[in-house]
C-alpha atoms as a PDB file:
ATOM      1  CA  MET A   1      -0.126   0.039   0.100  1.00  0.00           C
ATOM      2  CA  THR A   2       1.469   3.359  -0.863  1.00  0.00           C
ATOM      3  CA  GLN A   3       0.099   6.977   0.348  1.00  0.00           C
ATOM      4  CA  LEU A   4       0.715  10.287  -1.529  1.00  0.00           C
ATOM      5  CA  PHE A   5      -0.153  13.309   0.852  1.00  0.00           C
ATOM      6  CA  ALA A   6      -0.161  17.243   0.508  1.00  0.00           C
ATOM      7  CA  VAL A   7       0.229  20.056   3.032  1.00  0.00           C
ATOM      8  CA  ASP A   8      -0.644  23.372   2.901  1.00  0.00           C
ATOM      9  CA  VAL A   9       0.396  25.686   5.494  1.00  0.00           C
ATOM     10  CA  GLY A  10      -2.241  28.667   5.934  1.00  0.00           C
ATOM     11  CA  GLY A  11      -1.624  31.946   7.932  1.00  0.00           C
ATOM     12  CA  THR A  12      -4.743  30.099  10.472  1.00  0.00           C
ATOM     13  CA  PHE A  13      -4.848  25.980   9.581  1.00  0.00           C
ATOM     14  CA  THR A  14      -2.786  23.757   8.044  1.00  0.00           C
ATOM     15  CA  ASP A  15      -4.569  21.371   5.958  1.00  0.00           C
ATOM     16  CA  ILE A  16      -3.144  17.974   4.652  1.00  0.00           C
ATOM     17  CA  VAL A  17      -4.954  15.889   1.731  1.00  0.00           C
ATOM     18  CA  VAL A  18      -4.086  11.808   1.796  1.00  0.00           C
ATOM     19  CA  LEU A  19      -4.373   9.506  -1.352  1.00  0.00           C
ATOM     20  CA  ASP A  20      -4.644   5.793  -0.579  1.00  0.00           C
ATOM     21  CA  GLU A  21      -3.678   4.449  -3.920  1.00  0.00           C
ATOM     22  CA  THR A  22      -4.267   1.168  -2.954  1.00  0.00           C
ATOM     23  CA  LEU A  23      -7.864   1.640  -2.160  1.00  0.00           C
ATOM     24  CA  GLY A  24      -8.504   4.632  -4.172  1.00  0.00           C
ATOM     25  CA  GLU A  25      -9.404   6.819  -1.123  1.00  0.00           C
ATOM     26  CA  VAL A  26      -9.035  10.461  -0.377  1.00  0.00           C
ATOM     27  CA  THR A  27      -9.214  12.000   3.323  1.00  0.00           C
ATOM     28  CA  PHE A  28      -8.570  15.460   4.869  1.00  0.00           C
ATOM     29  CA  THR A  29      -7.421  16.918   8.068  1.00  0.00           C
ATOM     30  CA  LYS A  30      -7.161  20.668   9.053  1.00  0.00           C
ATOM     31  CA  SER A  31      -4.632  21.320  12.350  1.00  0.00           C
ATOM     32  CA  PRO A  32      -3.721  25.415  13.582  1.00  0.00           C
ATOM     33  CA  THR A  33      -1.256  26.488  11.963  1.00  0.00           C
ATOM     34  CA  THR A  34       1.920  26.976  14.548  1.00  0.00           C
ATOM     35  CA  PRO A  35       3.629  30.384  13.223  1.00  0.00           C
ATOM     36  CA  ALA A  36       6.747  30.388  15.084  1.00  0.00           C
ATOM     37  CA  GLN A  37       7.465  26.708  13.902  1.00  0.00           C
ATOM     38  CA  PRO A  38       5.510  25.927  10.795  1.00  0.00           C
ATOM     39  CA  SER A  39       6.513  22.384  10.883  1.00  0.00           C
ATOM     40  CA  ALA A  40       4.753  21.470  14.440  1.00  0.00           C
ATOM     41  CA  GLY A  41       1.398  22.159  12.611  1.00  0.00           C
ATOM     42  CA  VAL A  42       2.658  20.055   9.973  1.00  0.00           C
ATOM     43  CA  LEU A  43       3.277  17.530  11.935  1.00  0.00           C
ATOM     44  CA  ASN A  44      -0.008  17.396  13.915  1.00  0.00           C
ATOM     45  CA  ALA A  45      -1.981  17.446  10.845  1.00  0.00           C
ATOM     46  CA  ILE A  46      -0.061  14.258   9.910  1.00  0.00           C
ATOM     47  CA  HIS A  47      -0.705  12.750  13.469  1.00  0.00           C
ATOM     48  CA  LYS A  48      -4.531  12.957  13.258  1.00  0.00           C
ATOM     49  CA  SER A  49      -4.597  11.521   9.855  1.00  0.00           C
ATOM     50  CA  ASP A  50      -4.969   8.436   8.230  1.00  0.00           C
ATOM     51  CA  LEU A  51      -1.374   9.136   7.040  1.00  0.00           C
ATOM     52  CA  SER A  52       1.369   6.570   7.687  1.00  0.00           C
ATOM     53  CA  LEU A  53       4.834   8.085   6.660  1.00  0.00           C
ATOM     54  CA  THR A  54       6.388   4.340   6.502  1.00  0.00           C
ATOM     55  CA  GLU A  55       4.271   4.036   3.304  1.00  0.00           C
ATOM     56  CA  ALA A  56       4.337   7.279   2.308  1.00  0.00           C
ATOM     57  CA  GLU A  57       5.712   7.641  -1.541  1.00  0.00           C
ATOM     58  CA  THR A  58       5.062  11.446  -2.340  1.00  0.00           C
ATOM     59  CA  PHE A  59       4.935  14.347  -0.420  1.00  0.00           C
ATOM     60  CA  PHE A  60       3.770  18.186  -1.956  1.00  0.00           C
ATOM     61  CA  HIS A  61       4.336  21.177   0.232  1.00  0.00           C
ATOM     62  CA  GLY A  62       2.431  24.737  -0.262  1.00  0.00           C
ATOM     63  CA  THR A  63       2.293  27.483   1.646  1.00  0.00           C
ATOM     64  CA  THR A  64       0.759  31.140   1.776  1.00  0.00           C
ATOM     65  CA  LEU A  65       3.185  32.567   5.224  1.00  0.00           C
ATOM     66  CA  GLY A  66       5.247  33.877   2.773  1.00  0.00           C
ATOM     67  CA  ILE A  67       2.871  35.647   0.863  1.00  0.00           C
ATOM     68  CA  ASN A  68       0.564  36.688   3.692  1.00  0.00           C
ATOM     69  CA  THR A  69       4.034  38.120   5.593  1.00  0.00           C
ATOM     70  CA  MET A  70       4.860  40.496   2.323  1.00  0.00           C
ATOM     71  CA  LEU A  71       1.088  41.776   1.759  1.00  0.00           C
ATOM     72  CA  GLU A  72       0.676  42.330   5.055  1.00  0.00           C
ATOM     73  CA  HIS A  73       3.753  44.157   5.635  1.00  0.00           C
ATOM     74  CA  LYS A  74       4.345  42.048   9.196  1.00  0.00           C
ATOM     75  CA  GLY A  75       8.098  40.848   7.549  1.00  0.00           C
ATOM     76  CA  ALA A  76      11.263  42.076   8.532  1.00  0.00           C
ATOM     77  CA  ARG A  77      12.518  46.082   8.635  1.00  0.00           C
ATOM     78  CA  THR A  78      14.154  45.687   5.045  1.00  0.00           C
ATOM     79  CA  GLY A  79      17.251  47.932   3.730  1.00  0.00           C
ATOM     80  CA  LEU A  80      18.283  47.816   0.136  1.00  0.00           C
ATOM     81  CA  ILE A  81      21.946  48.185  -1.211  1.00  0.00           C
ATOM     82  CA  THR A  82      21.986  48.747  -5.146  1.00  0.00           C
ATOM     83  CA  THR A  83      24.353  50.798  -7.570  1.00  0.00           C
ATOM     84  CA  GLU A  84      24.723  54.501  -7.449  1.00  0.00           C
ATOM     85  CA  GLY A  85      22.110  56.093  -9.617  1.00  0.00           C
ATOM     86  CA  PHE A  86      19.528  53.445  -9.102  1.00  0.00           C
ATOM     87  CA  ARG A  87      17.870  53.973  -6.057  1.00  0.00           C
ATOM     88  CA  ASP A  88      14.464  55.103  -7.668  1.00  0.00           C
ATOM     89  CA  VAL A  89      13.960  51.890  -9.714  1.00  0.00           C
ATOM     90  CA  LEU A  90      11.309  50.633  -7.859  1.00  0.00           C
ATOM     91  CA  GLU A  91       9.447  54.120  -8.237  1.00  0.00           C
ATOM     92  CA  MET A  92      10.287  54.622 -12.341  1.00  0.00           C
ATOM     93  CA  ALA A  93       9.636  51.092 -12.579  1.00  0.00           C
ATOM     94  CA  ARG A  94       9.554  50.167 -16.990  1.00  0.00           C
ATOM     95  CA  MET A  95       7.721  53.396 -17.362  1.00  0.00           C
ATOM     96  CA  ALA A  96       4.211  51.247 -17.838  1.00  0.00           C
ATOM     97  CA  TRP A  97       2.004  53.161 -16.151  1.00  0.00           C
ATOM     98  CA  PRO A  98      -1.595  53.179 -17.202  1.00  0.00           C
ATOM     99  CA  MET A  99      -2.784  55.873 -20.074  1.00  0.00           C
ATOM    100  CA  TYR A 100      -5.283  57.699 -18.468  1.00  0.00           C
ATOM    101  CA  GLN A 101      -5.846  57.148 -15.442  1.00  0.00           C
ATOM    102  CA  LEU A 102      -5.564  61.021 -13.856  1.00  0.00           C
ATOM    103  CA  HIS A 103      -6.147  59.289 -10.132  1.00  0.00           C
ATOM    104  CA  TRP A 104      -4.090  55.961 -10.178  1.00  0.00           C
ATOM    105  CA  ASP A 105      -2.108  55.410  -7.337  1.00  0.00           C
ATOM    106  CA  GLN A 106       1.170  53.596  -7.383  1.00  0.00           C
ATOM    107  CA  PRO A 107       1.519  50.728  -4.941  1.00  0.00           C
ATOM    108  CA  GLU A 108       3.842  51.886  -2.086  1.00  0.00           C
ATOM    109  CA  PRO A 109       7.436  49.874  -2.308  1.00  0.00           C
ATOM    110  CA  LEU A 110       8.176  47.607   0.527  1.00  0.00           C
ATOM    111  CA  VAL A 111      11.611  49.630   1.036  1.00  0.00           C
ATOM    112  CA  GLU A 112      11.004  53.308   1.859  1.00  0.00           C
ATOM    113  CA  ARG A 113      13.233  55.841   0.176  1.00  0.00           C
ATOM    114  CA  TYR A 114      15.163  56.234   2.913  1.00  0.00           C
ATOM    115  CA  LEU A 115      16.176  52.992   3.914  1.00  0.00           C
ATOM    116  CA  ARG A 116      17.758  52.781   0.077  1.00  0.00           C
ATOM    117  CA  LYS A 117      21.326  53.310  -0.039  1.00  0.00           C
ATOM    118  CA  GLU A 118      23.323  53.514  -2.983  1.00  0.00           C
ATOM    119  CA  VAL A 119      27.108  52.302  -3.477  1.00  0.00           C
ATOM    120  CA  THR A 120      29.883  53.176  -6.161  1.00  0.00           C
ATOM    121  CA  GLU A 121      30.012  50.534  -8.755  1.00  0.00           C
ATOM    122  CA  ARG A 122      29.460  49.533 -11.930  1.00  0.00           C
ATOM    123  CA  VAL A 123      29.286  46.522 -14.605  1.00  0.00           C
ATOM    124  CA  ARG A 124      28.377  46.862 -18.440  1.00  0.00           C
ATOM    125  CA  ALA A 125      25.511  43.847 -19.582  1.00  0.00           C
ATOM    126  CA  ASP A 126      28.081  41.623 -20.660  1.00  0.00           C
ATOM    127  CA  GLY A 127      29.753  41.322 -17.437  1.00  0.00           C
ATOM    128  CA  THR A 128      32.175  43.799 -17.914  1.00  0.00           C
ATOM    129  CA  VAL A 129      33.292  46.027 -14.832  1.00  0.00           C
ATOM    130  CA  LEU A 130      33.628  49.414 -15.275  1.00  0.00           C
ATOM    131  CA  ALA A 131      33.833  51.064 -12.098  1.00  0.00           C
ATOM    132  CA  PRO A 132      34.938  48.621  -9.278  1.00  0.00           C
ATOM    133  CA  LEU A 133      33.211  48.606  -5.760  1.00  0.00           C
ATOM    134  CA  ASP A 134      33.700  50.822  -3.034  1.00  0.00           C
ATOM    135  CA  GLU A 135      34.139  48.270  -0.264  1.00  0.00           C
ATOM    136  CA  ASP A 136      34.135  51.428   2.384  1.00  0.00           C
ATOM    137  CA  GLY A 137      30.855  52.437   0.845  1.00  0.00           C
ATOM    138  CA  VAL A 138      29.190  49.077   1.337  1.00  0.00           C
ATOM    139  CA  ARG A 139      30.281  49.038   4.890  1.00  0.00           C
ATOM    140  CA  ARG A 140      29.177  52.763   5.438  1.00  0.00           C
ATOM    141  CA  ALA A 141      25.691  51.978   4.074  1.00  0.00           C
ATOM    142  CA  ALA A 142      25.341  48.840   6.036  1.00  0.00           C
ATOM    143  CA  ALA A 143      25.797  50.983   9.150  1.00  0.00           C
ATOM    144  CA  ALA A 144      23.734  53.524   8.252  1.00  0.00           C
ATOM    145  CA  LEU A 145      21.129  50.407   7.728  1.00  0.00           C
ATOM    146  CA  ASN A 146      21.937  48.484  10.717  1.00  0.00           C
ATOM    147  CA  ALA A 147      21.222  52.028  13.088  1.00  0.00           C
ATOM    148  CA  GLU A 148      17.921  52.400  10.811  1.00  0.00           C
ATOM    149  CA  GLY A 149      17.065  49.154  12.805  1.00  0.00           C
ATOM    150  CA  VAL A 150      16.880  46.960   9.870  1.00  0.00           C
ATOM    151  CA  GLU A 151      17.224  43.434  10.484  1.00  0.00           C
ATOM    152  CA  SER A 152      17.382  42.725   6.544  1.00  0.00           C
ATOM    153  CA  ILE A 153      19.007  44.106   4.044  1.00  0.00           C
ATOM    154  CA  ALA A 154      18.633  43.478   0.106  1.00  0.00           C
ATOM    155  CA  VAL A 155      21.378  44.109  -2.582  1.00  0.00           C
ATOM    156  CA  CYS A 156      20.558  44.621  -6.157  1.00  0.00           C
ATOM    157  CA  TYR A 157      23.799  46.024  -7.897  1.00  0.00           C
ATOM    158  CA  LEU A 158      22.844  46.467 -11.974  1.00  0.00           C
ATOM    159  CA  HIS A 159      23.851  43.619 -13.985  1.00  0.00           C
ATOM    160  CA  ALA A 160      24.657  41.486 -11.319  1.00  0.00           C
ATOM    161  CA  TYR A 161      22.867  38.752 -13.283  1.00  0.00           C
ATOM    162  CA  ALA A 162      26.153  38.850 -16.044  1.00  0.00           C
ATOM    163  CA  PHE A 163      28.790  39.676 -13.053  1.00  0.00           C
ATOM    164  CA  PRO A 164      27.810  38.144  -9.709  1.00  0.00           C
ATOM    165  CA  GLU A 165      31.409  39.457  -7.949  1.00  0.00           C
ATOM    166  CA  HIS A 166      30.581  42.543  -6.630  1.00  0.00           C
ATOM    167  CA  GLU A 167      26.924  41.359  -4.335  1.00  0.00           C
ATOM    168  CA  LEU A 168      29.253  38.202  -3.269  1.00  0.00           C
ATOM    169  CA  ARG A 169      31.431  40.419  -1.866  1.00  0.00           C
ATOM    170  CA  ILE A 170      28.723  42.816  -0.369  1.00  0.00           C
ATOM    171  CA  ALA A 171      27.460  39.620   1.561  1.00  0.00           C
ATOM    172  CA  GLU A 172      31.409  38.629   2.631  1.00  0.00           C
ATOM    173  CA  ILE A 173      31.158  42.279   4.171  1.00  0.00           C
ATOM    174  CA  ILE A 174      28.252  42.359   5.729  1.00  0.00           C
ATOM    175  CA  ALA A 175      28.659  38.615   7.252  1.00  0.00           C
ATOM    176  CA  GLY A 176      32.253  40.112   8.418  1.00  0.00           C
ATOM    177  CA  THR A 177      30.599  43.254  10.443  1.00  0.00           C
ATOM    178  CA  LEU A 178      27.331  42.795  11.063  1.00  0.00           C
ATOM    179  CA  PRO A 179      26.685  39.066  11.024  1.00  0.00           C
ATOM    180  CA  HIS A 180      23.344  39.320  12.915  1.00  0.00           C
ATOM    181  CA  LEU A 181      21.337  40.995   9.648  1.00  0.00           C
ATOM    182  CA  ALA A 182      20.287  38.963   6.656  1.00  0.00           C
ATOM    183  CA  VAL A 183      21.138  39.376   3.342  1.00  0.00           C
ATOM    184  CA  THR A 184      19.742  38.855   0.050  1.00  0.00           C
ATOM    185  CA  LEU A 185      21.339  38.587  -3.259  1.00  0.00           C
ATOM    186  CA  SER A 186      19.334  39.566  -6.588  1.00  0.00           C
ATOM    187  CA  HIS A 187      21.532  37.183  -8.851  1.00  0.00           C
ATOM    188  CA  GLN A 188      20.902  34.663  -6.558  1.00  0.00           C
ATOM    189  CA  VAL A 189      16.820  35.364  -6.675  1.00  0.00           C
ATOM    190  CA  THR A 190      16.868  36.040 -10.462  1.00  0.00           C
ATOM    191  CA  ARG A 191      19.214  36.050 -12.673  1.00  0.00           C
ATOM    192  CA  GLU A 192      18.098  38.178 -14.838  1.00  0.00           C
ATOM    193  CA  TYR A 193      17.744  41.358 -16.512  1.00  0.00           C
ATOM    194  CA  ARG A 194      15.527  44.043 -15.680  1.00  0.00           C
ATOM    195  CA  GLU A 195      15.969  45.567 -12.421  1.00  0.00           C
ATOM    196  CA  CYS A 196      12.805  46.755 -11.377  1.00  0.00           C
ATOM    197  CA  GLU A 197      11.528  43.387 -11.450  1.00  0.00           C
ATOM    198  CA  ARG A 198      14.593  41.958  -9.921  1.00  0.00           C
ATOM    199  CA  THR A 199      15.065  44.428  -7.655  1.00  0.00           C
ATOM    200  CA  SER A 200      11.533  44.400  -6.476  1.00  0.00           C
ATOM    201  CA  THR A 201      11.676  40.236  -6.084  1.00  0.00           C
ATOM    202  CA  THR A 202      14.984  40.595  -4.049  1.00  0.00           C
ATOM    203  CA  GLU A 203      13.173  43.310  -1.620  1.00  0.00           C
ATOM    204  CA  SER A 204      10.503  40.588  -0.809  1.00  0.00           C
ATOM    205  CA  ASP A 205      12.628  37.837  -0.271  1.00  0.00           C
ATOM    206  CA  ALA A 206      14.399  39.759   2.408  1.00  0.00           C
ATOM    207  CA  MET A 207      11.892  40.748   3.777  1.00  0.00           C
ATOM    208  CA  ILE A 208      10.005  37.315   4.448  1.00  0.00           C
ATOM    209  CA  LYS A 209      13.372  35.267   5.007  1.00  0.00           C
ATOM    210  CA  PRO A 210      13.629  36.155   8.496  1.00  0.00           C
ATOM    211  CA  ARG A 211      10.425  35.060   9.265  1.00  0.00           C
ATOM    212  CA  MET A 212      10.492  32.043   7.167  1.00  0.00           C
ATOM    213  CA  ALA A 213      13.226  30.748   8.266  1.00  0.00           C
ATOM    214  CA  PRO A 214      13.665  27.722  10.721  1.00  0.00           C
ATOM    215  CA  ALA A 215      14.281  28.427  14.529  1.00  0.00           C
ATOM    216  CA  THR A 216      17.980  27.964  14.243  1.00  0.00           C
ATOM    217  CA  SER A 217      21.061  30.400  15.084  1.00  0.00           C
ATOM    218  CA  MET A 218      20.449  33.748  13.631  1.00  0.00           C
ATOM    219  CA  THR A 219      23.864  33.201  12.176  1.00  0.00           C
ATOM    220  CA  SER A 220      23.395  30.489  10.080  1.00  0.00           C
ATOM    221  CA  ARG A 221      19.916  30.183   9.370  1.00  0.00           C
ATOM    222  CA  TRP A 222      19.535  32.410   6.378  1.00  0.00           C
ATOM    223  CA  ARG A 223      23.156  32.792   4.629  1.00  0.00           C
ATOM    224  CA  TRP A 224      23.400  31.886   0.981  1.00  0.00           C
ATOM    225  CA  PRO A 225      26.604  30.406  -0.235  1.00  0.00           C
ATOM    226  CA  VAL A 226      29.005  33.834  -0.612  1.00  0.00           C
ATOM    227  CA  SER A 227      31.659  32.136  -3.115  1.00  0.00           C
ATOM    228  CA  ALA A 228      31.108  32.632  -6.482  1.00  0.00           C
ATOM    229  CA  SER A 229      31.524  28.927  -7.271  1.00  0.00           C
ATOM    230  CA  THR A 230      28.429  28.218  -5.072  1.00  0.00           C
ATOM    231  CA  ALA A 231      26.338  31.176  -6.757  1.00  0.00           C
ATOM    232  CA  ALA A 232      23.265  29.934  -7.427  1.00  0.00           C
ATOM    233  CA  SER A 233      22.049  30.373 -11.269  1.00  0.00           C
END
């Protein structure tokens, strides 16, 4: 006998669906979500169901905790470090604003403008370095954001998808000076061009990461690889 099961961790309840392939039966179980440790709610739901983990063949998992955190703006206080001159890319977007809608209200960025810091560096789309990374500028920007009480920093440098080394270096600097801060690097979240989309995706990841991380040590629970050889594509 084999069983397939799927779990959805929601803001209020954790739902589990079990399919018994031998009998063709489907059962449903619900258990309260445990926000501080979501896995506990999953185990509670499994305990209440007819599921036997020794007979489970496939496990499907989904959760709305991340999107709920972002939509409700209940995530970590987040700062952004970006290439000099690109601080306002979130407002400028791609200039594809609705025509003739004179009263259209643009959605507010997740990171307020004063929490966005610019650092000198510049890379071409082909990965050629035009201006080296100002490491002292990185330290000043990170220190300023830390003084504002941020818990997480999003890093989005121009054309980092083609040359990720500057972003990797800033992760090393922050890990060495402010190890309590979470860091999200844009090239590890979405290694594609178009700065507005990549910046907004990176800030979203940075906002929810500390909330979604397992309850382990602050210094190890969230950090991405910081060496070029292990960078995600």
